[in-house]
Amino acid sequence: VAGYRGARVGKMSDPSEWHTWGQGTQGTVSS
């Protein structure tokens, strides 16, 4: 993610505060 909208860093864990998202990459961990 990029394009953080928040005025403060405290909302960085909120997905809605980020403007730009990548397409995603799968990470799989097997036991």
PDB file of all heavy atoms in Angstrom:
ATOM      1  N   VAL A   1       0.831  -1.198   0.000  1.00  0.00           N
ATOM      2  CA  VAL A   1       0.000   0.000   0.000  1.00  0.00           C
ATOM      3  C   VAL A   1       0.864   1.246   0.000  1.00  0.00           C
ATOM      4  O   VAL A   1       1.988   1.251   0.495  1.00  0.00           O
ATOM      5  CB  VAL A   1      -0.949   0.035   1.219  1.00  0.00           C
ATOM      6  CG1 VAL A   1      -1.987  -1.068   1.133  1.00  0.00           C
ATOM      7  CG2 VAL A   1      -0.174  -0.060   2.522  1.00  0.00           C
ATOM      8  N   ALA A   2       0.285   2.298  -0.571  1.00  0.00           N
ATOM      9  CA  ALA A   2       0.907   3.616  -0.592  1.00  0.00           C
ATOM     10  C   ALA A   2      -0.213   4.652  -0.562  1.00  0.00           C
ATOM     11  O   ALA A   2      -1.386   4.308  -0.609  1.00  0.00           O
ATOM     12  CB  ALA A   2       1.781   3.788  -1.833  1.00  0.00           C
ATOM     13  N   GLY A   3       0.191   5.917  -0.493  1.00  0.00           N
ATOM     14  CA  GLY A   3      -0.830   6.954  -0.493  1.00  0.00           C
ATOM     15  C   GLY A   3      -1.610   7.011   0.801  1.00  0.00           C
ATOM     16  O   GLY A   3      -2.834   6.990   0.813  1.00  0.00           O
ATOM     17  N   TYR A   4      -0.882   7.108   1.914  1.00  0.00           N
ATOM     18  CA  TYR A   4      -1.531   7.180   3.222  1.00  0.00           C
ATOM     19  C   TYR A   4      -2.252   8.519   3.375  1.00  0.00           C
ATOM     20  O   TYR A   4      -1.678   9.573   3.148  1.00  0.00           O
ATOM     21  CB  TYR A   4      -0.479   7.020   4.319  1.00  0.00           C
ATOM     22  CG  TYR A   4      -1.026   7.069   5.721  1.00  0.00           C
ATOM     23  CD1 TYR A   4      -1.947   6.121   6.154  1.00  0.00           C
ATOM     24  CD2 TYR A   4      -0.611   8.055   6.605  1.00  0.00           C
ATOM     25  CE1 TYR A   4      -2.441   6.162   7.441  1.00  0.00           C
ATOM     26  CE2 TYR A   4      -1.089   8.104   7.903  1.00  0.00           C
ATOM     27  CZ  TYR A   4      -2.014   7.145   8.315  1.00  0.00           C
ATOM     28  OH  TYR A   4      -2.505   7.188   9.598  1.00  0.00           O
ATOM     29  N   ARG A   5      -3.520   8.454   3.739  1.00  0.00           N
ATOM     30  CA  ARG A   5      -4.349   9.653   3.835  1.00  0.00           C
ATOM     31  C   ARG A   5      -4.329  10.286   5.220  1.00  0.00           C
ATOM     32  O   ARG A   5      -4.677  11.459   5.390  1.00  0.00           O
ATOM     33  CB  ARG A   5      -5.803   9.321   3.511  1.00  0.00           C
ATOM     34  CG  ARG A   5      -6.078   8.782   2.126  1.00  0.00           C
ATOM     35  CD  ARG A   5      -7.579   8.698   1.901  1.00  0.00           C
ATOM     36  NE  ARG A   5      -7.948   8.151   0.614  1.00  0.00           N
ATOM     37  CZ  ARG A   5      -8.336   6.898   0.431  1.00  0.00           C
ATOM     38  NH1 ARG A   5      -8.370   6.065   1.453  1.00  0.00           N
ATOM     39  NH2 ARG A   5      -8.675   6.472  -0.771  1.00  0.00           N
ATOM     40  N   GLY A   6      -3.977   9.499   6.217  1.00  0.00           N
ATOM     41  CA  GLY A   6      -4.117   9.949   7.588  1.00  0.00           C
ATOM     42  C   GLY A   6      -3.198  11.100   7.943  1.00  0.00           C
ATOM     43  O   GLY A   6      -2.090  11.199   7.444  1.00  0.00           O
ATOM     44  N   ALA A   7      -3.680  11.964   8.801  1.00  0.00           N
ATOM     45  CA  ALA A   7      -2.874  13.087   9.268  1.00  0.00           C
ATOM     46  C   ALA A   7      -1.863  12.633  10.309  1.00  0.00           C
ATOM     47  O   ALA A   7      -0.857  13.296  10.538  1.00  0.00           O
ATOM     48  CB  ALA A   7      -3.772  14.173   9.842  1.00  0.00           C
ATOM     49  N   ARG A   8      -2.153  11.545  10.947  1.00  0.00           N
ATOM     50  CA  ARG A   8      -1.256  11.017  11.964  1.00  0.00           C
ATOM     51  C   ARG A   8      -0.981   9.555  11.693  1.00  0.00           C
ATOM     52  O   ARG A   8      -1.748   8.881  11.032  1.00  0.00           O
ATOM     53  CB  ARG A   8      -1.888  11.185  13.355  1.00  0.00           C
ATOM     54  CG  ARG A   8      -2.165  12.630  13.714  1.00  0.00           C
ATOM     55  CD  ARG A   8      -2.802  12.733  15.072  1.00  0.00           C
ATOM     56  NE  ARG A   8      -3.058  14.118  15.461  1.00  0.00           N
ATOM     57  CZ  ARG A   8      -3.614  14.484  16.614  1.00  0.00           C
ATOM     58  NH1 ARG A   8      -3.931  13.575  17.505  1.00  0.00           N
ATOM     59  NH2 ARG A   8      -3.814  15.771  16.865  1.00  0.00           N
ATOM     60  N   VAL A   9       0.117   9.049  12.246  1.00  0.00           N
ATOM     61  CA  VAL A   9       0.515   7.673  11.986  1.00  0.00           C
ATOM     62  C   VAL A   9      -0.368   6.664  12.690  1.00  0.00           C
ATOM     63  O   VAL A   9      -0.330   5.487  12.398  1.00  0.00           O
ATOM     64  CB  VAL A   9       1.983   7.450  12.382  1.00  0.00           C
ATOM     65  CG1 VAL A   9       2.895   8.333  11.560  1.00  0.00           C
ATOM     66  CG2 VAL A   9       2.184   7.687  13.872  1.00  0.00           C
ATOM     67  N   GLY A  10      -1.172   7.123  13.611  1.00  0.00           N
ATOM     68  CA  GLY A  10      -1.962   6.203  14.417  1.00  0.00           C
ATOM     69  C   GLY A  10      -3.000   5.411  13.659  1.00  0.00           C
ATOM     70  O   GLY A  10      -3.531   4.437  14.182  1.00  0.00           O
ATOM     71  N   LYS A  11      -3.311   5.827  12.444  1.00  0.00           N
ATOM     72  CA  LYS A  11      -4.342   5.123  11.682  1.00  0.00           C
ATOM     73  C   LYS A  11      -3.755   4.271  10.569  1.00  0.00           C
ATOM     74  O   LYS A  11      -4.463   3.856   9.661  1.00  0.00           O
ATOM     75  CB  LYS A  11      -5.331   6.121  11.109  1.00  0.00           C
ATOM     76  CG  LYS A  11      -6.196   6.801  12.158  1.00  0.00           C
ATOM     77  CD  LYS A  11      -7.310   7.596  11.519  1.00  0.00           C
ATOM     78  CE  LYS A  11      -8.244   8.166  12.573  1.00  0.00           C
ATOM     79  NZ  LYS A  11      -9.371   8.902  11.945  1.00  0.00           N
ATOM     80  N   MET A  12      -2.485   3.976  10.637  1.00  0.00           N
ATOM     81  CA  MET A  12      -1.848   3.216   9.570  1.00  0.00           C
ATOM     82  C   MET A  12      -2.361   1.797   9.489  1.00  0.00           C
ATOM     83  O   MET A  12      -2.249   1.159   8.455  1.00  0.00           O
ATOM     84  CB  MET A  12      -0.331   3.224   9.755  1.00  0.00           C
ATOM     85  CG  MET A  12       0.324   4.510   9.322  1.00  0.00           C
ATOM     86  SD  MET A  12       2.095   4.329   9.148  1.00  0.00           S
ATOM     87  CE  MET A  12       2.443   5.660   8.023  1.00  0.00           C
ATOM     88  N   SER A  13      -2.951   1.283  10.545  1.00  0.00           N
ATOM     89  CA  SER A  13      -3.482  -0.068  10.519  1.00  0.00           C
ATOM     90  C   SER A  13      -4.882  -0.130   9.930  1.00  0.00           C
ATOM     91  O   SER A  13      -5.436  -1.220   9.792  1.00  0.00           O
ATOM     92  CB  SER A  13      -3.497  -0.643  11.941  1.00  0.00           C
ATOM     93  OG  SER A  13      -4.343   0.133  12.768  1.00  0.00           O
ATOM     94  N   ASP A  14      -5.427   1.011   9.564  1.00  0.00           N
ATOM     95  CA  ASP A  14      -6.773   1.083   8.980  1.00  0.00           C
ATOM     96  C   ASP A  14      -6.675   1.028   7.468  1.00  0.00           C
ATOM     97  O   ASP A  14      -6.150   1.969   6.844  1.00  0.00           O
ATOM     98  CB  ASP A  14      -7.449   2.377   9.426  1.00  0.00           C
ATOM     99  CG  ASP A  14      -8.885   2.480   8.951  1.00  0.00           C
ATOM    100  OD1 ASP A  14      -9.285   1.685   8.086  1.00  0.00           O
ATOM    101  OD2 ASP A  14      -9.609   3.342   9.453  1.00  0.00           O
ATOM    102  N   PRO A  15      -7.193  -0.018   6.825  1.00  0.00           N
ATOM    103  CA  PRO A  15      -7.079  -0.123   5.361  1.00  0.00           C
ATOM    104  C   PRO A  15      -7.673   1.073   4.623  1.00  0.00           C
ATOM    105  O   PRO A  15      -7.187   1.448   3.554  1.00  0.00           O
ATOM    106  CB  PRO A  15      -7.859  -1.405   5.040  1.00  0.00           C
ATOM    107  CG  PRO A  15      -7.844  -2.196   6.299  1.00  0.00           C
ATOM    108  CD  PRO A  15      -7.871  -1.179   7.398  1.00  0.00           C
ATOM    109  N   SER A  16      -8.711   1.686   5.160  1.00  0.00           N
ATOM    110  CA  SER A  16      -9.383   2.782   4.462  1.00  0.00           C
ATOM    111  C   SER A  16      -8.523   4.052   4.412  1.00  0.00           C
ATOM    112  O   SER A  16      -8.836   4.977   3.668  1.00  0.00           O
ATOM    113  CB  SER A  16     -10.714   3.106   5.140  1.00  0.00           C
ATOM    114  OG  SER A  16     -10.508   3.624   6.439  1.00  0.00           O
ATOM    115  N   GLU A  17      -7.438   4.088   5.179  1.00  0.00           N
ATOM    116  CA  GLU A  17      -6.554   5.258   5.179  1.00  0.00           C
ATOM    117  C   GLU A  17      -5.498   5.198   4.084  1.00  0.00           C
ATOM    118  O   GLU A  17      -4.721   6.122   3.930  1.00  0.00           O
ATOM    119  CB  GLU A  17      -5.871   5.391   6.540  1.00  0.00           C
ATOM    120  CG  GLU A  17      -6.827   5.714   7.682  1.00  0.00           C
ATOM    121  CD  GLU A  17      -7.419   7.101   7.571  1.00  0.00           C
ATOM    122  OE1 GLU A  17      -6.805   7.977   6.940  1.00  0.00           O
ATOM    123  OE2 GLU A  17      -8.517   7.298   8.143  1.00  0.00           O
ATOM    124  N   TRP A  18      -5.486   4.117   3.335  1.00  0.00           N
ATOM    125  CA  TRP A  18      -4.509   3.956   2.253  1.00  0.00           C
ATOM    126  C   TRP A  18      -5.202   4.054   0.910  1.00  0.00           C
ATOM    127  O   TRP A  18      -6.183   3.377   0.648  1.00  0.00           O
ATOM    128  CB  TRP A  18      -3.790   2.619   2.373  1.00  0.00           C
ATOM    129  CG  TRP A  18      -2.961   2.516   3.617  1.00  0.00           C
ATOM    130  CD1 TRP A  18      -3.378   2.081   4.851  1.00  0.00           C
ATOM    131  CD2 TRP A  18      -1.583   2.863   3.770  1.00  0.00           C
ATOM    132  NE1 TRP A  18      -2.344   2.114   5.747  1.00  0.00           N
ATOM    133  CE2 TRP A  18      -1.223   2.613   5.105  1.00  0.00           C
ATOM    134  CE3 TRP A  18      -0.606   3.365   2.906  1.00  0.00           C
ATOM    135  CZ2 TRP A  18       0.062   2.827   5.598  1.00  0.00           C
ATOM    136  CZ3 TRP A  18       0.672   3.582   3.395  1.00  0.00           C
ATOM    137  CH2 TRP A  18       0.997   3.318   4.724  1.00  0.00           C
ATOM    138  N   HIS A  19      -4.647   4.882   0.020  1.00  0.00           N
ATOM    139  CA  HIS A  19      -5.286   5.159  -1.265  1.00  0.00           C
ATOM    140  C   HIS A  19      -4.922   4.146  -2.332  1.00  0.00           C
ATOM    141  O   HIS A  19      -5.758   3.786  -3.168  1.00  0.00           O
ATOM    142  CB  HIS A  19      -4.866   6.553  -1.742  1.00  0.00           C
ATOM    143  CG  HIS A  19      -5.430   6.926  -3.073  1.00  0.00           C
ATOM    144  ND1 HIS A  19      -4.768   6.658  -4.266  1.00  0.00           N
ATOM    145  CD2 HIS A  19      -6.577   7.543  -3.417  1.00  0.00           C
ATOM    146  CE1 HIS A  19      -5.499   7.103  -5.266  1.00  0.00           C
ATOM    147  NE2 HIS A  19      -6.591   7.634  -4.792  1.00  0.00           N
ATOM    148  N   THR A  20      -3.688   3.676  -2.324  1.00  0.00           N
ATOM    149  CA  THR A  20      -3.169   2.859  -3.433  1.00  0.00           C
ATOM    150  C   THR A  20      -2.838   1.460  -2.955  1.00  0.00           C
ATOM    151  O   THR A  20      -2.113   1.287  -1.975  1.00  0.00           O
ATOM    152  CB  THR A  20      -1.908   3.506  -4.028  1.00  0.00           C
ATOM    153  OG1 THR A  20      -2.228   4.819  -4.502  1.00  0.00           O
ATOM    154  CG2 THR A  20      -1.368   2.670  -5.175  1.00  0.00           C
ATOM    155  N   TRP A  21      -3.352   0.474  -3.683  1.00  0.00           N
ATOM    156  CA  TRP A  21      -3.150  -0.934  -3.355  1.00  0.00           C
ATOM    157  C   TRP A  21      -2.582  -1.671  -4.563  1.00  0.00           C
ATOM    158  O   TRP A  21      -2.987  -1.423  -5.698  1.00  0.00           O
ATOM    159  CB  TRP A  21      -4.473  -1.585  -2.955  1.00  0.00           C
ATOM    160  CG  TRP A  21      -4.997  -1.089  -1.654  1.00  0.00           C
ATOM    161  CD1 TRP A  21      -5.576   0.128  -1.403  1.00  0.00           C
ATOM    162  CD2 TRP A  21      -4.977  -1.784  -0.406  1.00  0.00           C
ATOM    163  NE1 TRP A  21      -5.921   0.234  -0.078  1.00  0.00           N
ATOM    164  CE2 TRP A  21      -5.570  -0.923   0.558  1.00  0.00           C
ATOM    165  CE3 TRP A  21      -4.526  -3.034   0.006  1.00  0.00           C
ATOM    166  CZ2 TRP A  21      -5.702  -1.288   1.898  1.00  0.00           C
ATOM    167  CZ3 TRP A  21      -4.667  -3.397   1.331  1.00  0.00           C
ATOM    168  CH2 TRP A  21      -5.260  -2.522   2.261  1.00  0.00           C
ATOM    169  N   GLY A  22      -1.686  -2.594  -4.291  1.00  0.00           N
ATOM    170  CA  GLY A  22      -1.208  -3.478  -5.339  1.00  0.00           C
ATOM    171  C   GLY A  22      -2.196  -4.601  -5.581  1.00  0.00           C
ATOM    172  O   GLY A  22      -3.233  -4.705  -4.929  1.00  0.00           O
ATOM    173  N   GLN A  23      -1.831  -5.475  -6.520  1.00  0.00           N
ATOM    174  CA  GLN A  23      -2.734  -6.560  -6.887  1.00  0.00           C
ATOM    175  C   GLN A  23      -2.634  -7.740  -5.909  1.00  0.00           C
ATOM    176  O   GLN A  23      -3.485  -8.620  -5.915  1.00  0.00           O
ATOM    177  CB  GLN A  23      -2.422  -7.048  -8.319  1.00  0.00           C
ATOM    178  CG  GLN A  23      -1.235  -8.001  -8.443  1.00  0.00           C
ATOM    179  CD  GLN A  23       0.108  -7.321  -8.302  1.00  0.00           C
ATOM    180  OE1 GLN A  23       0.208  -6.107  -8.192  1.00  0.00           O
ATOM    181  NE2 GLN A  23       1.172  -8.116  -8.295  1.00  0.00           N
ATOM    182  N   GLY A  24      -1.617  -7.740  -5.092  1.00  0.00           N
ATOM    183  CA  GLY A  24      -1.436  -8.799  -4.108  1.00  0.00           C
ATOM    184  C   GLY A  24      -0.529  -9.905  -4.598  1.00  0.00           C
ATOM    185  O   GLY A  24      -0.442 -10.191  -5.794  1.00  0.00           O
ATOM    186  N   THR A  25       0.159 -10.510  -3.657  1.00  0.00           N
ATOM    187  CA  THR A  25       1.006 -11.658  -3.961  1.00  0.00           C
ATOM    188  C   THR A  25       0.786 -12.712  -2.886  1.00  0.00           C
ATOM    189  O   THR A  25       0.725 -12.393  -1.695  1.00  0.00           O
ATOM    190  CB  THR A  25       2.491 -11.253  -4.062  1.00  0.00           C
ATOM    191  OG1 THR A  25       3.264 -12.378  -4.467  1.00  0.00           O
ATOM    192  CG2 THR A  25       3.033 -10.696  -2.759  1.00  0.00           C
ATOM    193  N   GLN A  26       0.648 -13.955  -3.302  1.00  0.00           N
ATOM    194  CA  GLN A  26       0.314 -15.040  -2.375  1.00  0.00           C
ATOM    195  C   GLN A  26       1.555 -15.533  -1.657  1.00  0.00           C
ATOM    196  O   GLN A  26       2.573 -15.842  -2.288  1.00  0.00           O
ATOM    197  CB  GLN A  26      -0.336 -16.198  -3.125  1.00  0.00           C
ATOM    198  CG  GLN A  26      -0.659 -17.411  -2.265  1.00  0.00           C
ATOM    199  CD  GLN A  26      -1.808 -17.168  -1.305  1.00  0.00           C
ATOM    200  OE1 GLN A  26      -2.829 -16.594  -1.684  1.00  0.00           O
ATOM    201  NE2 GLN A  26      -1.656 -17.614  -0.057  1.00  0.00           N
ATOM    202  N   GLY A  27       1.438 -15.659  -0.350  1.00  0.00           N
ATOM    203  CA  GLY A  27       2.470 -16.293   0.449  1.00  0.00           C
ATOM    204  C   GLY A  27       1.850 -17.475   1.175  1.00  0.00           C
ATOM    205  O   GLY A  27       0.879 -17.308   1.902  1.00  0.00           O
ATOM    206  N   THR A  28       2.401 -18.673   0.970  1.00  0.00           N
ATOM    207  CA  THR A  28       1.838 -19.885   1.542  1.00  0.00           C
ATOM    208  C   THR A  28       2.888 -20.591   2.393  1.00  0.00           C
ATOM    209  O   THR A  28       4.002 -20.840   1.926  1.00  0.00           O
ATOM    210  CB  THR A  28       1.347 -20.838   0.449  1.00  0.00           C
ATOM    211  OG1 THR A  28       0.357 -20.173  -0.346  1.00  0.00           O
ATOM    212  CG2 THR A  28       0.735 -22.086   1.056  1.00  0.00           C
ATOM    213  N   VAL A  29       2.523 -20.882   3.624  1.00  0.00           N
ATOM    214  CA  VAL A  29       3.427 -21.547   4.555  1.00  0.00           C
ATOM    215  C   VAL A  29       2.807 -22.872   4.957  1.00  0.00           C
ATOM    216  O   VAL A  29       1.722 -22.906   5.526  1.00  0.00           O
ATOM    217  CB  VAL A  29       3.696 -20.687   5.793  1.00  0.00           C
ATOM    218  CG1 VAL A  29       4.731 -21.349   6.697  1.00  0.00           C
ATOM    219  CG2 VAL A  29       4.145 -19.289   5.398  1.00  0.00           C
ATOM    220  N   SER A  30       3.489 -23.953   4.686  1.00  0.00           N
ATOM    221  CA  SER A  30       2.977 -25.278   5.004  1.00  0.00           C
ATOM    222  C   SER A  30       3.627 -25.801   6.285  1.00  0.00           C
ATOM    223  O   SER A  30       4.790 -25.500   6.578  1.00  0.00           O
ATOM    224  CB  SER A  30       3.240 -26.234   3.852  1.00  0.00           C
ATOM    225  OG  SER A  30       4.621 -26.303   3.577  1.00  0.00           O
ATOM    226  N   SER A  31       2.866 -26.600   7.000  1.00  0.00           N
ATOM    227  CA  SER A  31       3.379 -27.116   8.278  1.00  0.00           C
ATOM    228  C   SER A  31       4.148 -28.408   8.087  1.00  0.00           C
ATOM    229  O   SER A  31       4.163 -28.995   7.019  1.00  0.00           O
ATOM    230  CB  SER A  31       2.208 -27.353   9.224  1.00  0.00           C
ATOM    231  OG  SER A  31       1.290 -28.263   8.645  1.00  0.00           O
TER     232      SER A  31
END
